[in-house]
Structures are given as C-alpha cells and as structure tokens.
C-alpha cells in the first residue's frame, strides 16, 4: 500500500514563478465500443503522426481506469495559439480521423502549481481572486 503524502512544511513552500502565457488545450478523448480493434488498426499511423508532431504536445498518452490495464481513452495537452489551431493539430491524427473516440472534450488550461510549473504562479490569494470568477 502506498504511503500517504506528507503535508508540506513552511520551509518547503513552492516558489513563486511567472505565469506562462502559452495557450494550452487539453483534449480528453474516450474510446468508443470498438476502441481496442480501432487502436490496433491505426496504431502505426497514430504513432507516426504524434512523433512527427511531438513538439506540439506538452504531454500526451493513453488513459486507463484506476487498477485496470485496458485502455479507455487518450489525453493530449496541445500547445496552440487558439482552439482552432489545437483542433488542426488533432485532426491529422489517425485516431481522430478513424472515429476511435466516442467523445472528445476540449478545455483550455492554465498550469498553476506543481513540479512541471516549477512552483506556483500566484503570490497570494488576493493577487488571483479576480480569476476565480473568470476574470
């Protein structure tokens, strides 16, 4: 059993870092009922496509339900100027063109805290309170 994560101490607080203004778009793609067969059928084309375009992805990969080995979808975090450009990147992937996915959800994200970010993007709650309502 995995040990619980210990709470941070004040001397281990994340550093404040500048907010990266790069637009990022998260695609959460869930397989249809024919997922396994379609994945195998289009695997080589999909891998060739994502390798050729690897610099457009911050990260991407398959998804599984916790504790299971079967794939149930994919996620793609795409660097693009806007949602239309992000969709243009995705539309070239054989997993998209083959209708592997029963659903695709697109969300624009702001990386705000963590190892990837290198700390946290806010100085204090007051400095980001306006964003809580979409400002």
C-alpha atoms as a PDB file:
ATOM      1  CA  UNK A   1       0.000   0.000   0.000  1.00  0.00           C
ATOM      2  CA  UNK A   2       1.295   3.444  -0.917  1.00  0.00           C
ATOM      3  CA  UNK A   3       2.259   5.759   1.935  1.00  0.00           C
ATOM      4  CA  UNK A   4       0.117   8.913   2.238  1.00  0.00           C
ATOM      5  CA  UNK A   5       1.764  12.087   1.043  1.00  0.00           C
ATOM      6  CA  UNK A   6       3.046  14.085   3.991  1.00  0.00           C
ATOM      7  CA  UNK A   7       1.812  17.672   4.273  1.00  0.00           C
ATOM      8  CA  UNK A   8       4.283  20.322   3.252  1.00  0.00           C
ATOM      9  CA  UNK A   9       6.074  22.333   5.895  1.00  0.00           C
ATOM     10  CA  UNK A  10       6.532  26.098   5.669  1.00  0.00           C
ATOM     11  CA  UNK A  11      10.192  25.660   4.681  1.00  0.00           C
ATOM     12  CA  UNK A  12       9.069  23.511   1.716  1.00  0.00           C
ATOM     13  CA  UNK A  13       6.667  26.070   0.232  1.00  0.00           C
ATOM     14  CA  UNK A  14       6.559  26.258  -3.573  1.00  0.00           C
ATOM     15  CA  UNK A  15       8.412  29.221  -5.054  1.00  0.00           C
ATOM     16  CA  UNK A  16       6.514  31.935  -6.918  1.00  0.00           C
ATOM     17  CA  UNK A  17       7.131  31.723 -10.676  1.00  0.00           C
ATOM     18  CA  UNK A  18       5.915  33.796 -13.590  1.00  0.00           C
ATOM     19  CA  UNK A  19       2.703  32.652 -15.249  1.00  0.00           C
ATOM     20  CA  UNK A  20       3.384  31.098 -18.647  1.00  0.00           C
ATOM     21  CA  UNK A  21       1.055  32.838 -21.099  1.00  0.00           C
ATOM     22  CA  UNK A  22       1.329  29.999 -23.655  1.00  0.00           C
ATOM     23  CA  UNK A  23      -2.195  28.843 -24.567  1.00  0.00           C
ATOM     24  CA  UNK A  24      -2.627  25.153 -23.721  1.00  0.00           C
ATOM     25  CA  UNK A  25      -5.537  22.939 -24.713  1.00  0.00           C
ATOM     26  CA  UNK A  26      -6.394  19.645 -23.057  1.00  0.00           C
ATOM     27  CA  UNK A  27      -8.171  17.035 -25.157  1.00  0.00           C
ATOM     28  CA  UNK A  28      -9.737  14.186 -23.166  1.00  0.00           C
ATOM     29  CA  UNK A  29     -10.734  11.504 -25.655  1.00  0.00           C
ATOM     30  CA  UNK A  30     -12.786   8.484 -24.610  1.00  0.00           C
ATOM     31  CA  UNK A  31     -12.839   5.350 -26.735  1.00  0.00           C
ATOM     32  CA  UNK A  32     -15.961   4.023 -28.381  1.00  0.00           C
ATOM     33  CA  UNK A  33     -17.069   0.404 -28.089  1.00  0.00           C
ATOM     34  CA  UNK A  34     -14.708  -0.591 -30.911  1.00  0.00           C
ATOM     35  CA  UNK A  35     -11.708   1.001 -29.149  1.00  0.00           C
ATOM     36  CA  UNK A  36      -9.317  -1.952 -28.875  1.00  0.00           C
ATOM     37  CA  UNK A  37      -9.707  -3.044 -32.503  1.00  0.00           C
ATOM     38  CA  UNK A  38      -9.521   0.516 -33.831  1.00  0.00           C
ATOM     39  CA  UNK A  39      -6.457   1.288 -31.689  1.00  0.00           C
ATOM     40  CA  UNK A  40      -4.575  -1.707 -33.088  1.00  0.00           C
ATOM     41  CA  UNK A  41      -5.683  -0.969 -36.656  1.00  0.00           C
ATOM     42  CA  UNK A  42      -4.445   2.654 -36.537  1.00  0.00           C
ATOM     43  CA  UNK A  43      -1.564   2.350 -34.045  1.00  0.00           C
ATOM     44  CA  UNK A  44       1.299   2.712 -36.529  1.00  0.00           C
ATOM     45  CA  UNK A  45      -0.275   5.738 -38.215  1.00  0.00           C
ATOM     46  CA  UNK A  46      -1.079   7.339 -34.853  1.00  0.00           C
ATOM     47  CA  UNK A  47       2.466   6.836 -33.560  1.00  0.00           C
ATOM     48  CA  UNK A  48       3.978   8.194 -36.784  1.00  0.00           C
ATOM     49  CA  UNK A  49       1.725  11.243 -36.551  1.00  0.00           C
ATOM     50  CA  UNK A  50       2.422  12.074 -32.899  1.00  0.00           C
ATOM     51  CA  UNK A  51       6.167  11.503 -33.395  1.00  0.00           C
ATOM     52  CA  UNK A  52       6.184  13.863 -36.392  1.00  0.00           C
ATOM     53  CA  UNK A  53       4.308  16.475 -34.365  1.00  0.00           C
ATOM     54  CA  UNK A  54       5.802  15.814 -30.938  1.00  0.00           C
ATOM     55  CA  UNK A  55       6.774  19.446 -30.383  1.00  0.00           C
ATOM     56  CA  UNK A  56       3.068  20.437 -30.419  1.00  0.00           C
ATOM     57  CA  UNK A  57       2.318  18.299 -27.352  1.00  0.00           C
ATOM     58  CA  UNK A  58       3.271  19.233 -23.834  1.00  0.00           C
ATOM     59  CA  UNK A  59       2.333  15.676 -22.895  1.00  0.00           C
ATOM     60  CA  UNK A  60       0.038  13.018 -24.346  1.00  0.00           C
ATOM     61  CA  UNK A  61      -0.740   9.365 -23.747  1.00  0.00           C
ATOM     62  CA  UNK A  62      -3.277   6.648 -23.073  1.00  0.00           C
ATOM     63  CA  UNK A  63      -5.749   6.603 -20.198  1.00  0.00           C
ATOM     64  CA  UNK A  64      -6.862   3.677 -18.030  1.00  0.00           C
ATOM     65  CA  UNK A  65      -9.345   3.363 -15.231  1.00  0.00           C
ATOM     66  CA  UNK A  66      -7.566   3.029 -11.869  1.00  0.00           C
ATOM     67  CA  UNK A  67      -6.362  -0.519 -11.292  1.00  0.00           C
ATOM     68  CA  UNK A  68      -7.140  -1.671 -14.840  1.00  0.00           C
ATOM     69  CA  UNK A  69      -4.781  -2.419 -17.718  1.00  0.00           C
ATOM     70  CA  UNK A  70      -7.225  -1.923 -20.616  1.00  0.00           C
ATOM     71  CA  UNK A  71      -7.029   1.442 -22.350  1.00  0.00           C
ATOM     72  CA  UNK A  72     -10.181   3.527 -22.302  1.00  0.00           C
ATOM     73  CA  UNK A  73      -9.045   6.717 -23.999  1.00  0.00           C
ATOM     74  CA  UNK A  74      -6.258   9.196 -24.583  1.00  0.00           C
ATOM     75  CA  UNK A  75      -5.288  12.677 -23.433  1.00  0.00           C
ATOM     76  CA  UNK A  76      -3.367  15.316 -25.355  1.00  0.00           C
ATOM     77  CA  UNK A  77      -2.102  18.602 -23.948  1.00  0.00           C
ATOM     78  CA  UNK A  78      -1.544  20.715 -27.054  1.00  0.00           C
ATOM     79  CA  UNK A  79       0.373  23.970 -27.420  1.00  0.00           C
ATOM     80  CA  UNK A  80      -1.513  26.184 -29.893  1.00  0.00           C
ATOM     81  CA  UNK A  81      -2.426  29.836 -30.443  1.00  0.00           C
ATOM     82  CA  UNK A  82      -6.145  29.100 -30.080  1.00  0.00           C
ATOM     83  CA  UNK A  83      -8.696  26.274 -30.057  1.00  0.00           C
ATOM     84  CA  UNK A  84      -8.936  26.203 -33.853  1.00  0.00           C
ATOM     85  CA  UNK A  85      -5.201  25.660 -34.185  1.00  0.00           C
ATOM     86  CA  UNK A  86      -5.310  22.976 -31.480  1.00  0.00           C
ATOM     87  CA  UNK A  87      -8.075  21.172 -33.406  1.00  0.00           C
ATOM     88  CA  UNK A  88      -6.000  21.466 -36.597  1.00  0.00           C
ATOM     89  CA  UNK A  89      -3.193  19.564 -34.840  1.00  0.00           C
ATOM     90  CA  UNK A  90      -5.588  16.896 -33.621  1.00  0.00           C
ATOM     91  CA  UNK A  91      -7.452  16.419 -36.914  1.00  0.00           C
ATOM     92  CA  UNK A  92      -4.351  14.956 -38.552  1.00  0.00           C
ATOM     93  CA  UNK A  93      -4.124  12.059 -36.072  1.00  0.00           C
ATOM     94  CA  UNK A  94      -5.436   8.730 -37.419  1.00  0.00           C
ATOM     95  CA  UNK A  95      -7.010   8.055 -34.028  1.00  0.00           C
ATOM     96  CA  UNK A  96      -9.194  11.117 -34.661  1.00  0.00           C
ATOM     97  CA  UNK A  97      -9.877  10.500 -38.353  1.00  0.00           C
ATOM     98  CA  UNK A  98     -10.804   6.849 -37.736  1.00  0.00           C
ATOM     99  CA  UNK A  99     -13.512   7.816 -35.220  1.00  0.00           C
ATOM    100  CA  UNK A 100     -11.802   5.794 -32.491  1.00  0.00           C
ATOM    101  CA  UNK A 101     -13.145   8.173 -29.870  1.00  0.00           C
ATOM    102  CA  UNK A 102     -16.808   8.221 -28.851  1.00  0.00           C
ATOM    103  CA  UNK A 103     -16.291  11.600 -27.175  1.00  0.00           C
ATOM    104  CA  UNK A 104     -13.683  14.350 -27.204  1.00  0.00           C
ATOM    105  CA  UNK A 105     -13.725  17.101 -24.616  1.00  0.00           C
ATOM    106  CA  UNK A 106     -11.604  20.209 -25.177  1.00  0.00           C
ATOM    107  CA  UNK A 107     -10.623  22.513 -22.316  1.00  0.00           C
ATOM    108  CA  UNK A 108      -8.196  25.432 -22.232  1.00  0.00           C
ATOM    109  CA  UNK A 109      -5.989  25.121 -19.155  1.00  0.00           C
ATOM    110  CA  UNK A 110      -3.663  27.296 -17.081  1.00  0.00           C
ATOM    111  CA  UNK A 111      -0.826  25.407 -15.378  1.00  0.00           C
ATOM    112  CA  UNK A 112      -0.774  26.983 -11.922  1.00  0.00           C
ATOM    113  CA  UNK A 113       1.212  24.841  -9.457  1.00  0.00           C
ATOM    114  CA  UNK A 114       3.415  21.774  -9.421  1.00  0.00           C
ATOM    115  CA  UNK A 115       6.730  20.346 -10.480  1.00  0.00           C
ATOM    116  CA  UNK A 116       6.102  20.999 -14.172  1.00  0.00           C
ATOM    117  CA  UNK A 117       5.304  24.656 -13.431  1.00  0.00           C
ATOM    118  CA  UNK A 118       8.328  24.910 -11.139  1.00  0.00           C
ATOM    119  CA  UNK A 119       6.343  26.268  -8.212  1.00  0.00           C
ATOM    120  CA  UNK A 120       3.140  28.324  -8.105  1.00  0.00           C
ATOM    121  CA  UNK A 121       2.018  31.263 -10.241  1.00  0.00           C
ATOM    122  CA  UNK A 122       0.326  33.313  -7.501  1.00  0.00           C
ATOM    123  CA  UNK A 123       1.877  35.477  -4.819  1.00  0.00           C
ATOM    124  CA  UNK A 124      -1.192  35.276  -2.580  1.00  0.00           C
ATOM    125  CA  UNK A 125      -4.963  34.708  -2.832  1.00  0.00           C
ATOM    126  CA  UNK A 126      -5.713  38.401  -3.324  1.00  0.00           C
ATOM    127  CA  UNK A 127      -3.492  38.519  -6.423  1.00  0.00           C
ATOM    128  CA  UNK A 128      -5.634  35.933  -8.236  1.00  0.00           C
ATOM    129  CA  UNK A 129      -9.080  36.379  -6.651  1.00  0.00           C
ATOM    130  CA  UNK A 130     -10.387  38.109  -9.820  1.00  0.00           C
ATOM    131  CA  UNK A 131      -9.663  34.902 -11.802  1.00  0.00           C
ATOM    132  CA  UNK A 132     -11.979  32.828  -9.599  1.00  0.00           C
ATOM    133  CA  UNK A 133     -14.934  34.321 -11.475  1.00  0.00           C
ATOM    134  CA  UNK A 134     -13.281  34.088 -14.883  1.00  0.00           C
ATOM    135  CA  UNK A 135     -11.576  37.492 -14.894  1.00  0.00           C
END
